[in-house]
Amino acid sequence: MDSLKNVIDYGVIGLLLALSIWAVAVAVERWLFYRRVDPAQFHDLHLFEIALTKRLVIIGTIAANALTSVCWEPCSVLC
């Protein structure tokens, strides 16, 4: 039973690590996009807003789930 607990703990930590890497990759991609975006190429303010906020929900969702997992899952590996 103790080995199952360790496998689950390491699995949760691995999943959170993979999601964190994905969130950082999206953040870097967005940063690079913001550096090269030209507001003059957008004819509509709504289209400009959509382009700026594209994929930001991924970062928010991962952050919210990671926080929930850390706060609600007792983790014997880190403690």
Protein backbone atom coordinates (compact mmCIF):
# COMPACT_ATOMS: atom_id res chain seq x y z
CA MET A 1 0.00 0.00 0.00
CA ASP A 2 2.89 2.33 0.73
CA SER A 3 4.36 1.78 -2.72
CA LEU A 4 1.02 2.67 -4.34
CA LYS A 5 0.98 5.90 -2.35
CA ASN A 6 4.49 6.73 -3.57
CA VAL A 7 3.56 5.98 -7.19
CA ILE A 8 0.53 8.25 -6.95
CA ASP A 9 2.57 11.01 -5.30
CA TYR A 10 5.26 10.85 -7.97
CA GLY A 11 2.59 10.68 -10.66
CA VAL A 12 0.92 13.85 -9.38
CA ILE A 13 4.27 15.63 -9.15
CA GLY A 14 5.20 14.48 -12.65
CA LEU A 15 1.89 15.66 -14.05
CA LEU A 16 2.27 19.06 -12.36
CA LEU A 17 5.81 19.34 -13.72
CA ALA A 18 4.65 18.52 -17.27
CA LEU A 19 1.81 21.04 -17.03
CA SER A 20 4.20 23.67 -15.68
CA ILE A 21 6.53 23.15 -18.63
CA TRP A 22 3.57 23.49 -20.98
CA ALA A 23 2.47 26.72 -19.27
CA VAL A 24 5.97 28.19 -19.54
CA ALA A 25 6.10 27.24 -23.22
CA VAL A 26 2.79 29.00 -23.85
CA ALA A 27 3.98 32.05 -21.90
CA VAL A 28 7.18 32.25 -23.96
CA GLU A 29 5.19 31.87 -27.18
CA ARG A 30 2.82 34.66 -26.13
CA TRP A 31 5.76 36.90 -25.14
CA LEU A 32 7.38 36.39 -28.55
CA PHE A 33 4.05 37.14 -30.22
CA TYR A 34 3.60 40.34 -28.20
CA ARG A 35 7.06 41.51 -29.25
CA ARG A 36 6.27 41.25 -32.95
CA VAL A 37 2.57 42.11 -33.08
CA ASP A 38 1.65 45.24 -34.99
CA PRO A 39 -1.63 46.83 -33.89
CA ALA A 40 -1.94 48.55 -37.26
CA GLN A 41 -2.50 45.23 -39.03
CA PHE A 42 -5.79 44.73 -37.18
CA HIS A 43 -8.75 46.60 -38.59
CA ASP A 44 -11.07 45.71 -35.71
CA LEU A 45 -10.40 46.15 -32.01
CA HIS A 46 -12.26 42.92 -31.22
CA LEU A 47 -9.97 40.89 -33.53
CA PHE A 48 -6.95 42.53 -31.91
CA GLU A 49 -8.19 41.56 -28.45
CA ILE A 50 -8.79 37.97 -29.58
CA ALA A 51 -5.25 37.77 -30.97
CA LEU A 52 -3.76 39.12 -27.74
CA THR A 53 -5.66 36.78 -25.43
CA LYS A 54 -5.26 33.63 -27.52
CA ARG A 55 -4.10 30.64 -25.41
CA LEU A 56 -3.92 32.65 -22.17
CA VAL A 57 -6.70 30.48 -20.75
CA ILE A 58 -4.25 27.55 -20.84
CA ILE A 59 -1.95 29.30 -18.37
CA GLY A 60 -4.85 30.21 -16.08
CA THR A 61 -6.33 26.71 -16.13
CA ILE A 62 -3.01 25.02 -15.42
CA ALA A 63 -2.23 27.46 -12.62
CA ALA A 64 -5.63 26.98 -10.99
CA ASN A 65 -5.44 23.20 -11.19
CA ALA A 66 -1.86 23.09 -9.95
CA LEU A 67 -2.76 25.24 -6.97
CA THR A 68 -5.78 23.07 -6.21
CA SER A 69 -3.72 19.88 -6.50
CA VAL A 70 -1.00 21.17 -4.21
CA CYS A 71 -3.44 22.51 -1.63
CA TRP A 72 -5.78 19.52 -1.52
CA GLU A 73 -3.46 16.58 -2.18
CA PRO A 74 -1.38 15.63 0.83
CA CYS A 75 2.01 14.86 -0.65
CA SER A 76 4.34 12.73 1.43
CA VAL A 77 7.15 13.13 -1.10
CA LEU A 78 7.60 16.85 -0.53
CA CYS A 79 6.73 16.85 3.17
